[in-house]
Amino acid sequence: MSTQQITQGSVVVGVDGSPASDAALRWAVSEARRTQQPLHAVHAQENELVLNDKEQLGTKEAPASADPVLTSAGDVVRTMAPEVQLTLHSVTGFAPTTLTAASRLAQTVVVGSHGRSALPTALLGSVSHQVAIHSRCPVVVVRENGTQGVDGPGKVIVGVDGSAASEPALAYAFAYASSTGSGLTAVHTWWWEPLEGVSLGEPWLGDWTQIATQESSLVAEVLAGWAHKFPDVSVTSHVVRGDPVVELLEQSRGARLLVVGSRGRGGFIGLMLGSVSRRVLKRTTCPVAVVRSAGGDNPAG
């Protein structure tokens, strides 16, 4: 599949007929309807390697009309939102590569948390994990048994670390919350230990309250500019000393969307998702948007 077939600013969803894929498709339909953007449903069958100079991996496309997975997906879209402009793609190749290529033009790529693959996960890892690492635009990962959906009343939760790396995630979260009429909770955790005192076996006599106040002030400063830009968004902050994954998971129970950053730099060599985003993807029950921390980030619309 050529990236030229993907509409600029569209919503792209990977489908394979699995329960998680069905949940991702429904989320993507609602997202395309919300943003008034075209929707591309991509079924990558992952059963043939295409490795030559003229045809890239995952770019060989077959007629969508002969693909029962796409026929079913088309029925879902037409039932949910007949007004959404839909294009179906049946691709011979690897799903992660195909969806990553589509992300160069898409506004959002949506995938299920687990799907069906003809290849062992030990070789490629899960599709959602690979796409979240390499995508050039925000990736939303949806679970089949999630506790909340795109049309739910829950809040938008966003992780904040106070660095410039978290700004794209904040931009996405505020824009999404504004366009959906959702409240927003910014989660910031801190864990500071005086290593010298610990190594000597001595108790630390410092003031935790002072540190907590400093961290709260940092978050308030980070949020002030975004709150001014999006005055319609009701913002609360959750600043605690603790594990960021534990706090994000707790705050995101019943949430409409959890937004986290990714420190990926693009490409396919030597990349890893940040520890927090990787652990959150494994355990969360609500949809998660992974937003690139540097370059390639798009607003939520």
Protein backbone atom coordinates (compact mmCIF):
# COMPACT_ATOMS: atom_id res chain seq x y z
CA MET A 1 0.00 0.00 0.00
CA SER A 2 1.42 3.35 -1.01
CA THR A 3 1.21 6.22 1.44
CA GLN A 4 -0.20 8.23 -1.47
CA GLN A 5 -3.42 6.27 -0.99
CA ILE A 6 -3.87 7.71 2.52
CA THR A 7 -5.71 11.02 2.80
CA GLN A 8 -3.79 13.76 4.58
CA GLY A 9 -5.14 14.22 8.10
CA SER A 10 -7.34 11.11 8.00
CA VAL A 11 -8.04 8.46 10.64
CA VAL A 12 -6.42 5.08 9.89
CA VAL A 13 -7.47 1.90 11.69
CA GLY A 14 -5.92 -1.54 11.52
CA VAL A 15 -8.47 -4.36 11.33
CA ASP A 16 -8.06 -8.15 11.44
CA GLY A 17 -11.42 -9.47 12.66
CA SER A 18 -10.32 -9.97 16.28
CA PRO A 19 -12.37 -8.60 19.23
CA ALA A 20 -9.73 -5.94 19.92
CA SER A 21 -9.77 -4.96 16.25
CA ASP A 22 -13.56 -4.61 16.36
CA ALA A 23 -13.27 -2.31 19.37
CA ALA A 24 -10.58 -0.27 17.60
CA LEU A 25 -12.78 0.04 14.51
CA ARG A 26 -15.69 1.39 16.53
CA TRP A 27 -13.40 3.89 18.23
CA ALA A 28 -11.97 4.96 14.87
CA VAL A 29 -15.44 5.45 13.35
CA SER A 30 -16.41 7.73 16.21
CA GLU A 31 -13.12 9.59 15.89
CA ALA A 32 -13.57 10.11 12.14
CA ARG A 33 -17.08 11.37 12.77
CA ARG A 34 -15.87 13.70 15.56
CA THR A 35 -13.05 15.18 13.48
CA GLN A 36 -15.00 15.07 10.20
CA GLN A 37 -12.07 13.34 8.54
CA PRO A 38 -11.99 10.39 6.09
CA LEU A 39 -11.47 6.90 7.52
CA HIS A 40 -9.08 4.29 6.09
CA ALA A 41 -9.54 0.69 7.30
CA VAL A 42 -6.43 -1.40 6.66
CA HIS A 43 -6.25 -5.21 6.80
CA ALA A 44 -2.63 -6.37 6.56
CA GLN A 45 -2.64 -10.14 6.17
CA GLU A 46 1.01 -10.64 7.12
CA ASN A 47 1.57 -13.74 5.01
CA GLU A 48 4.11 -12.65 2.44
CA LEU A 49 7.44 -10.84 2.52
CA VAL A 50 7.89 -8.22 -0.19
CA LEU A 51 11.56 -7.33 -0.22
CA ASN A 52 12.95 -5.73 -3.35
CA ASP A 53 14.04 -2.34 -4.54
CA LYS A 54 10.77 -1.50 -6.28
CA GLU A 55 8.18 -2.63 -3.76
CA GLN A 56 8.45 -1.89 -0.05
CA LEU A 57 7.43 -4.30 2.68
CA GLY A 58 3.68 -4.21 3.21
CA THR A 59 2.75 -2.26 0.08
CA LYS A 60 1.18 -4.96 -2.10
CA GLU A 61 -2.57 -4.35 -2.19
CA ALA A 62 -5.36 -6.76 -3.19
CA PRO A 63 -9.03 -6.05 -4.02
CA ALA A 64 -10.84 -5.12 -0.81
CA SER A 65 -14.09 -6.62 -2.10
CA ALA A 66 -12.61 -10.12 -1.80
CA ASP A 67 -11.56 -9.63 1.84
CA PRO A 68 -14.25 -10.77 4.33
CA VAL A 69 -12.59 -8.88 7.19
CA LEU A 70 -12.98 -5.62 5.27
CA THR A 71 -16.50 -6.48 4.14
CA SER A 72 -17.47 -6.83 7.79
CA ALA A 73 -15.64 -3.62 8.70
CA GLY A 74 -17.45 -1.74 5.95
CA ASP A 75 -20.80 -2.93 7.31
CA VAL A 76 -19.90 -1.64 10.78
CA VAL A 77 -18.91 1.78 9.46
CA ARG A 78 -22.02 2.16 7.32
CA THR A 79 -24.21 1.20 10.29
CA MET A 80 -22.49 3.49 12.79
CA ALA A 81 -21.79 6.52 10.63
CA PRO A 82 -22.89 6.33 6.98
CA GLU A 83 -21.73 9.91 6.49
CA VAL A 84 -18.07 9.00 7.10
CA GLN A 85 -15.96 8.74 3.94
CA LEU A 86 -14.50 5.22 4.03
CA THR A 87 -11.70 3.58 2.07
CA LEU A 88 -10.83 -0.11 2.53
CA HIS A 89 -7.33 -1.53 2.00
CA SER A 90 -6.47 -5.24 1.81
CA VAL A 91 -2.69 -5.49 2.04
CA THR A 92 -0.25 -8.38 1.76
CA GLY A 93 2.51 -7.59 4.22
CA PHE A 94 3.25 -6.79 7.84
CA ALA A 95 0.69 -4.77 9.78
CA PRO A 96 3.22 -2.70 11.80
CA THR A 97 5.11 -1.60 8.69
CA THR A 98 1.94 -0.85 6.75
CA LEU A 99 0.30 1.18 9.52
CA THR A 100 3.54 3.05 10.26
CA ALA A 101 3.78 4.03 6.60
CA ALA A 102 0.18 5.28 6.75
CA SER A 103 1.01 7.34 9.84
CA ARG A 104 3.16 9.67 7.74
CA LEU A 105 -0.01 11.29 6.43
CA ALA A 106 -2.68 10.28 8.94
CA GLN A 107 -3.90 12.43 11.80
CA THR A 108 -4.45 9.38 14.03
CA VAL A 109 -3.75 5.65 13.76
CA VAL A 110 -6.02 3.35 15.79
CA VAL A 111 -5.16 -0.25 16.67
CA GLY A 112 -6.48 -2.96 18.96
CA SER A 113 -4.41 -3.98 21.96
CA HIS A 114 -4.17 -7.57 20.69
CA GLY A 115 -4.92 -9.02 17.29
CA ARG A 116 -4.39 -12.00 15.06
CA SER A 117 -1.01 -12.49 13.45
CA ALA A 118 0.44 -15.10 11.14
CA LEU A 119 3.83 -14.46 12.71
CA PRO A 120 5.01 -15.25 16.26
CA THR A 121 4.92 -12.28 18.61
CA ALA A 122 8.46 -13.17 19.63
CA LEU A 123 9.58 -12.08 16.17
CA LEU A 124 7.76 -8.79 15.81
CA GLY A 125 6.13 -8.05 19.13
CA SER A 126 2.49 -7.02 19.21
CA VAL A 127 1.21 -4.84 16.39
CA SER A 128 0.04 -2.19 18.83
CA HIS A 129 3.44 -2.02 20.50
CA GLN A 130 5.33 -1.78 17.21
CA VAL A 131 3.03 0.87 15.77
CA ALA A 132 3.15 2.91 18.98
CA ILE A 133 6.95 2.90 18.81
CA HIS A 134 7.36 3.87 15.17
CA SER A 135 4.29 5.90 14.21
CA ARG A 136 4.77 9.47 13.02
CA CYS A 137 1.36 10.55 14.37
CA PRO A 138 -0.57 9.83 17.59
CA VAL A 139 -1.58 6.18 18.03
CA VAL A 140 -4.69 5.17 19.96
CA VAL A 141 -4.66 1.64 21.40
CA VAL A 142 -8.09 0.20 22.26
CA ARG A 143 -8.90 -2.90 24.32
CA GLU A 144 -11.76 -5.20 23.47
CA ASN A 145 -12.85 -5.31 27.12
CA GLY A 146 -12.22 -1.66 27.87
CA THR A 147 -14.23 0.17 30.50
CA GLN A 148 -14.84 3.29 28.46
CA GLY A 149 -15.26 4.39 24.86
CA VAL A 150 -14.95 7.47 22.71
CA ASP A 151 -18.54 8.52 23.43
CA GLY A 152 -18.37 7.97 27.18
CA PRO A 153 -18.68 10.70 29.81
CA GLY A 154 -15.30 10.10 31.46
CA LYS A 155 -12.42 12.54 31.71
CA VAL A 156 -9.26 12.78 29.65
CA ILE A 157 -6.18 11.82 31.68
CA VAL A 158 -2.72 13.00 30.67
CA GLY A 159 0.70 12.25 32.10
CA VAL A 160 2.90 15.29 32.80
CA ASP A 161 6.58 15.17 33.71
CA GLY A 162 7.29 18.90 33.51
CA SER A 163 9.69 18.60 30.57
CA ALA A 164 9.37 19.81 27.00
CA ALA A 165 8.99 16.15 25.98
CA SER A 166 5.50 16.04 27.48
CA GLU A 167 4.23 19.13 25.62
CA PRO A 168 2.90 17.25 22.54
CA ALA A 169 0.91 14.92 24.81
CA LEU A 170 -0.53 17.93 26.64
CA ALA A 171 -1.44 19.59 23.35
CA TYR A 172 -3.24 16.46 22.18
CA ALA A 173 -5.04 15.96 25.50
CA PHE A 174 -6.29 19.54 25.77
CA ALA A 175 -7.45 19.63 22.15
CA TYR A 176 -9.27 16.32 22.54
CA ALA A 177 -10.88 17.34 25.83
CA SER A 178 -12.01 20.65 24.34
CA SER A 179 -13.58 19.09 21.26
CA THR A 180 -15.40 16.41 23.28
CA GLY A 181 -16.51 18.59 26.18
CA SER A 182 -14.52 16.48 28.64
CA GLY A 183 -12.75 17.47 31.81
CA LEU A 184 -9.00 16.89 32.02
CA THR A 185 -6.85 15.52 34.83
CA ALA A 186 -3.08 16.03 34.65
CA VAL A 187 -1.15 13.36 36.53
CA HIS A 188 2.36 14.09 37.81
CA THR A 189 4.36 11.88 40.14
CA TRP A 190 7.68 12.38 41.80
CA TRP A 191 10.03 10.10 43.66
CA TRP A 192 13.06 11.69 45.25
CA GLU A 193 15.42 9.91 47.63
CA PRO A 194 18.67 11.27 49.11
CA LEU A 195 21.06 8.54 48.00
CA GLU A 196 23.82 9.64 50.40
CA GLY A 197 21.60 9.19 53.42
CA VAL A 198 20.35 5.83 52.21
CA SER A 199 23.85 4.52 51.59
CA LEU A 200 24.87 5.44 55.13
CA GLY A 201 21.79 3.84 56.62
CA GLU A 202 20.69 7.16 58.10
CA PRO A 203 17.10 8.49 58.08
CA TRP A 204 16.50 11.57 55.99
CA LEU A 205 15.23 14.54 57.96
CA GLY A 206 14.29 16.76 55.01
CA ASP A 207 10.88 18.31 54.36
CA TRP A 208 8.70 16.22 52.03
CA THR A 209 6.05 18.93 52.18
CA GLN A 210 8.41 21.46 50.63
CA ILE A 211 9.23 19.09 47.79
CA ALA A 212 5.54 18.36 47.21
CA THR A 213 4.84 22.08 47.02
CA GLN A 214 7.62 22.57 44.49
CA GLU A 215 6.28 19.76 42.31
CA SER A 216 2.74 21.14 42.47
CA SER A 217 4.01 24.57 41.45
CA LEU A 218 5.86 23.03 38.51
CA VAL A 219 2.69 21.34 37.25
CA ALA A 220 0.61 24.48 37.75
CA GLU A 221 3.10 26.46 35.68
CA VAL A 222 3.07 23.86 32.90
CA LEU A 223 -0.74 23.76 32.79
CA ALA A 224 -1.30 27.52 32.96
CA GLY A 225 -0.56 28.18 29.30
CA TRP A 226 -2.72 25.33 28.07
CA ALA A 227 -5.60 26.31 30.34
CA HIS A 228 -5.45 29.81 28.89
CA LYS A 229 -5.51 28.42 25.36
CA PHE A 230 -8.43 26.09 26.15
CA PRO A 231 -10.55 28.00 28.70
CA ASP A 232 -13.50 25.65 28.09
CA VAL A 233 -11.63 22.67 29.56
CA SER A 234 -12.10 21.99 33.27
CA VAL A 235 -8.63 21.10 34.56
CA THR A 236 -7.59 19.33 37.74
CA SER A 237 -4.15 18.10 38.73
CA HIS A 238 -3.10 14.98 40.61
CA VAL A 239 0.40 15.46 42.01
CA VAL A 240 1.73 12.74 44.31
CA ARG A 241 4.88 10.96 45.36
CA GLY A 242 4.62 7.53 43.81
CA ASP A 243 4.87 5.27 40.78
CA PRO A 244 3.61 7.08 37.64
CA VAL A 245 2.12 3.90 36.14
CA VAL A 246 0.16 3.09 39.30
CA GLU A 247 -1.22 6.62 39.49
CA LEU A 248 -2.06 6.84 35.78
CA LEU A 249 -3.89 3.53 35.89
CA GLU A 250 -5.83 4.51 38.99
CA GLN A 251 -6.83 7.91 37.63
CA SER A 252 -7.79 6.48 34.24
CA ARG A 253 -10.39 4.03 35.56
CA GLY A 254 -13.52 4.80 33.55
CA ALA A 255 -11.69 7.54 31.64
CA ARG A 256 -12.62 8.51 28.12
CA LEU A 257 -8.97 8.57 27.06
CA LEU A 258 -5.52 8.32 28.64
CA VAL A 259 -2.77 10.30 26.89
CA VAL A 260 0.91 9.52 27.37
CA GLY A 261 4.07 10.58 25.61
CA SER A 262 6.54 8.46 23.66
CA ARG A 263 10.21 9.20 23.33
CA GLY A 264 10.49 7.55 19.90
CA ARG A 265 12.63 9.26 17.27
CA GLY A 266 11.28 7.52 14.17
CA GLY A 267 12.72 4.71 12.08
CA PHE A 268 13.08 1.03 12.96
CA ILE A 269 16.45 0.66 14.67
CA GLY A 270 17.27 1.00 18.35
CA LEU A 271 13.92 2.42 19.48
CA MET A 272 11.96 1.75 22.64
CA LEU A 273 8.79 3.11 24.09
CA GLY A 274 9.32 4.99 27.31
CA SER A 275 9.01 2.79 30.39
CA VAL A 276 5.81 4.49 31.57
CA SER A 277 4.00 4.36 28.22
CA ARG A 278 5.02 0.74 27.67
CA ARG A 279 3.78 -0.40 31.09
CA VAL A 280 0.57 1.60 30.80
CA LEU A 281 -0.27 -0.01 27.45
CA LYS A 282 0.00 -3.46 29.00
CA ARG A 283 -2.35 -2.77 31.90
CA THR A 284 -4.82 0.00 31.14
CA THR A 285 -8.52 -0.64 30.56
CA CYS A 286 -9.40 2.57 28.70
CA PRO A 287 -8.22 3.73 25.25
CA VAL A 288 -4.66 5.09 25.32
CA ALA A 289 -3.24 7.73 22.98
CA VAL A 290 0.54 7.53 22.59
CA VAL A 291 1.86 10.85 21.30
CA ARG A 292 5.36 11.32 19.95
CA SER A 293 7.51 13.40 22.27
CA ALA A 294 9.57 15.01 19.52
CA GLY A 295 8.46 15.65 15.94
CA GLY A 296 5.61 14.12 14.00
CA ASP A 297 2.93 14.99 16.57
CA ASN A 298 -0.51 16.09 15.44
CA PRO A 299 -3.23 17.83 17.43
CA ALA A 300 -6.38 15.96 18.33
CA GLY A 301 -8.45 18.28 16.15
